[in-house]
Amino acid sequence: MVSQAELSSLETAIRELSERITLAADELVGTKEEDVALDLYEVERSLKTAQRRIARAADGLAKS
């Protein structure tokens, strides 16, 4: 059975990945690969949504 600690660990991993993607995208802004940066920012937004949903799921486990 999944635990709150496991979900918290996944949330942390997603947050760290999101931060790395943002840094990579930031490096591409203002270059000829800026379109890649825009794609990476979209991925980052999706990961932030996933992070929030995992946090909500962890809270749900804590309440049950």
N, C-alpha and C. Protein backbone atom coordinates (compact mmCIF):
# COMPACT_ATOMS: atom_id res chain seq x y z
N MET A 1 0.85 -1.18 0.00
CA MET A 1 0.00 0.00 0.00
C MET A 1 0.89 1.24 0.00
N VAL A 2 0.50 2.23 -0.76
CA VAL A 2 1.27 3.48 -0.84
C VAL A 2 1.12 4.25 0.47
N SER A 3 2.20 4.87 0.89
CA SER A 3 2.19 5.63 2.14
C SER A 3 2.31 7.12 1.87
N GLN A 4 1.99 7.90 2.87
CA GLN A 4 2.13 9.35 2.76
C GLN A 4 3.60 9.71 2.54
N ALA A 5 4.50 9.00 3.19
CA ALA A 5 5.94 9.26 3.03
C ALA A 5 6.38 9.01 1.58
N GLU A 6 5.86 7.95 0.97
CA GLU A 6 6.23 7.65 -0.41
C GLU A 6 5.73 8.74 -1.35
N LEU A 7 4.50 9.21 -1.13
CA LEU A 7 3.96 10.28 -1.96
C LEU A 7 4.73 11.57 -1.75
N SER A 8 5.14 11.82 -0.53
CA SER A 8 5.95 13.01 -0.24
C SER A 8 7.29 12.93 -0.97
N SER A 9 7.87 11.75 -1.01
CA SER A 9 9.13 11.55 -1.72
C SER A 9 8.95 11.80 -3.22
N LEU A 10 7.85 11.32 -3.77
CA LEU A 10 7.57 11.55 -5.19
C LEU A 10 7.36 13.04 -5.46
N GLU A 11 6.68 13.71 -4.56
CA GLU A 11 6.46 15.15 -4.71
C GLU A 11 7.79 15.89 -4.74
N THR A 12 8.70 15.51 -3.85
CA THR A 12 10.03 16.12 -3.82
C THR A 12 10.79 15.87 -5.12
N ALA A 13 10.73 14.65 -5.61
CA ALA A 13 11.43 14.32 -6.86
C ALA A 13 10.88 15.14 -8.02
N ILE A 14 9.56 15.29 -8.08
CA ILE A 14 8.96 16.08 -9.15
C ILE A 14 9.36 17.55 -9.02
N ARG A 15 9.37 18.06 -7.80
CA ARG A 15 9.77 19.46 -7.59
C ARG A 15 11.21 19.68 -8.05
N GLU A 16 12.10 18.76 -7.70
CA GLU A 16 13.51 18.90 -8.10
C GLU A 16 13.66 18.81 -9.62
N LEU A 17 12.93 17.91 -10.25
CA LEU A 17 12.96 17.79 -11.71
C LEU A 17 12.44 19.06 -12.35
N SER A 18 11.36 19.58 -11.81
CA SER A 18 10.78 20.82 -12.33
C SER A 18 11.79 21.96 -12.26
N GLU A 19 12.50 22.04 -11.14
CA GLU A 19 13.52 23.09 -10.99
C GLU A 19 14.62 22.95 -12.03
N ARG A 20 15.05 21.72 -12.29
CA ARG A 20 16.09 21.48 -13.30
C ARG A 20 15.61 21.86 -14.69
N ILE A 21 14.37 21.54 -14.99
CA ILE A 21 13.81 21.89 -16.29
C ILE A 21 13.73 23.39 -16.45
N THR A 22 13.32 24.09 -15.40
CA THR A 22 13.24 25.55 -15.44
C THR A 22 14.61 26.16 -15.70
N LEU A 23 15.63 25.65 -15.03
CA LEU A 23 16.99 26.16 -15.25
C LEU A 23 17.43 25.95 -16.70
N ALA A 24 17.11 24.77 -17.23
CA ALA A 24 17.48 24.49 -18.63
C ALA A 24 16.75 25.44 -19.57
N ALA A 25 15.48 25.66 -19.31
CA ALA A 25 14.70 26.57 -20.15
C ALA A 25 15.23 27.99 -20.06
N ASP A 26 15.55 28.42 -18.85
CA ASP A 26 16.08 29.77 -18.66
C ASP A 26 17.35 30.01 -19.47
N GLU A 27 18.17 28.98 -19.59
CA GLU A 27 19.41 29.11 -20.36
C GLU A 27 19.15 29.30 -21.86
N LEU A 28 17.99 28.85 -22.32
CA LEU A 28 17.67 28.92 -23.75
C LEU A 28 16.94 30.20 -24.14
N VAL A 29 16.43 30.92 -23.15
CA VAL A 29 15.71 32.17 -23.45
C VAL A 29 16.68 33.16 -24.08
N GLY A 30 16.24 33.77 -25.15
CA GLY A 30 17.08 34.74 -25.85
C GLY A 30 18.04 34.14 -26.85
N THR A 31 17.95 32.83 -27.06
CA THR A 31 18.80 32.17 -28.05
C THR A 31 17.93 31.73 -29.23
N LYS A 32 18.57 31.18 -30.22
CA LYS A 32 17.80 30.69 -31.37
C LYS A 32 16.98 29.45 -31.01
N GLU A 33 17.25 28.85 -29.86
CA GLU A 33 16.48 27.68 -29.39
C GLU A 33 15.39 28.08 -28.40
N GLU A 34 14.95 29.34 -28.46
CA GLU A 34 13.95 29.81 -27.50
C GLU A 34 12.64 29.02 -27.60
N ASP A 35 12.34 28.47 -28.78
CA ASP A 35 11.13 27.65 -28.91
C ASP A 35 11.22 26.40 -28.03
N VAL A 36 12.42 25.88 -27.86
CA VAL A 36 12.62 24.74 -26.96
C VAL A 36 12.36 25.17 -25.52
N ALA A 37 12.79 26.37 -25.17
CA ALA A 37 12.54 26.90 -23.82
C ALA A 37 11.05 26.96 -23.55
N LEU A 38 10.28 27.40 -24.52
CA LEU A 38 8.83 27.48 -24.34
C LEU A 38 8.23 26.10 -24.10
N ASP A 39 8.72 25.11 -24.83
CA ASP A 39 8.26 23.74 -24.59
C ASP A 39 8.62 23.27 -23.19
N LEU A 40 9.84 23.59 -22.77
CA LEU A 40 10.27 23.19 -21.43
C LEU A 40 9.45 23.87 -20.34
N TYR A 41 9.10 25.14 -20.54
CA TYR A 41 8.25 25.82 -19.56
C TYR A 41 6.87 25.16 -19.47
N GLU A 42 6.38 24.67 -20.60
CA GLU A 42 5.11 23.96 -20.58
C GLU A 42 5.21 22.66 -19.79
N VAL A 43 6.33 21.96 -19.97
CA VAL A 43 6.57 20.74 -19.19
C VAL A 43 6.64 21.08 -17.71
N GLU A 44 7.31 22.17 -17.39
CA GLU A 44 7.44 22.60 -15.99
C GLU A 44 6.07 22.87 -15.39
N ARG A 45 5.19 23.53 -16.13
CA ARG A 45 3.83 23.79 -15.62
C ARG A 45 3.08 22.48 -15.37
N SER A 46 3.24 21.53 -16.26
CA SER A 46 2.59 20.23 -16.08
C SER A 46 3.11 19.51 -14.84
N LEU A 47 4.41 19.60 -14.63
CA LEU A 47 4.99 18.97 -13.44
C LEU A 47 4.51 19.64 -12.16
N LYS A 48 4.35 20.94 -12.18
CA LYS A 48 3.83 21.64 -11.00
C LYS A 48 2.40 21.20 -10.70
N THR A 49 1.61 20.97 -11.75
CA THR A 49 0.26 20.45 -11.56
C THR A 49 0.33 19.06 -10.93
N ALA A 50 1.21 18.22 -11.44
CA ALA A 50 1.38 16.87 -10.89
C ALA A 50 1.82 16.95 -9.43
N GLN A 51 2.72 17.86 -9.13
CA GLN A 51 3.20 18.02 -7.76
C GLN A 51 2.05 18.38 -6.82
N ARG A 52 1.19 19.31 -7.24
CA ARG A 52 0.05 19.70 -6.41
C ARG A 52 -0.91 18.55 -6.20
N ARG A 53 -1.14 17.76 -7.26
CA ARG A 53 -2.07 16.63 -7.15
C ARG A 53 -1.52 15.55 -6.24
N ILE A 54 -0.23 15.32 -6.28
CA ILE A 54 0.37 14.33 -5.39
C ILE A 54 0.28 14.82 -3.94
N ALA A 55 0.53 16.11 -3.73
CA ALA A 55 0.41 16.68 -2.38
C ALA A 55 -1.03 16.50 -1.86
N ARG A 56 -2.00 16.74 -2.72
CA ARG A 56 -3.41 16.57 -2.34
C ARG A 56 -3.68 15.11 -1.99
N ALA A 57 -3.13 14.19 -2.78
CA ALA A 57 -3.32 12.77 -2.51
C ALA A 57 -2.69 12.39 -1.16
N ALA A 58 -1.51 12.93 -0.88
CA ALA A 58 -0.84 12.66 0.40
C ALA A 58 -1.67 13.19 1.56
N ASP A 59 -2.25 14.36 1.38
CA ASP A 59 -3.13 14.91 2.42
C ASP A 59 -4.34 14.02 2.63
N GLY A 60 -4.87 13.48 1.54
CA GLY A 60 -6.01 12.58 1.65
C GLY A 60 -5.66 11.32 2.42
N LEU A 61 -4.45 10.81 2.22
CA LEU A 61 -4.02 9.64 2.99
C LEU A 61 -3.88 9.97 4.47
N ALA A 62 -3.39 11.16 4.75
CA ALA A 62 -3.18 11.57 6.14
C ALA A 62 -4.51 11.68 6.88
N LYS A 63 -5.55 12.06 6.17
CA LYS A 63 -6.87 12.27 6.79
C LYS A 63 -7.64 10.95 6.96
N SER A 64 -7.21 9.92 6.25
CA SER A 64 -7.96 8.65 6.35
C SER A 64 -7.42 7.73 7.41
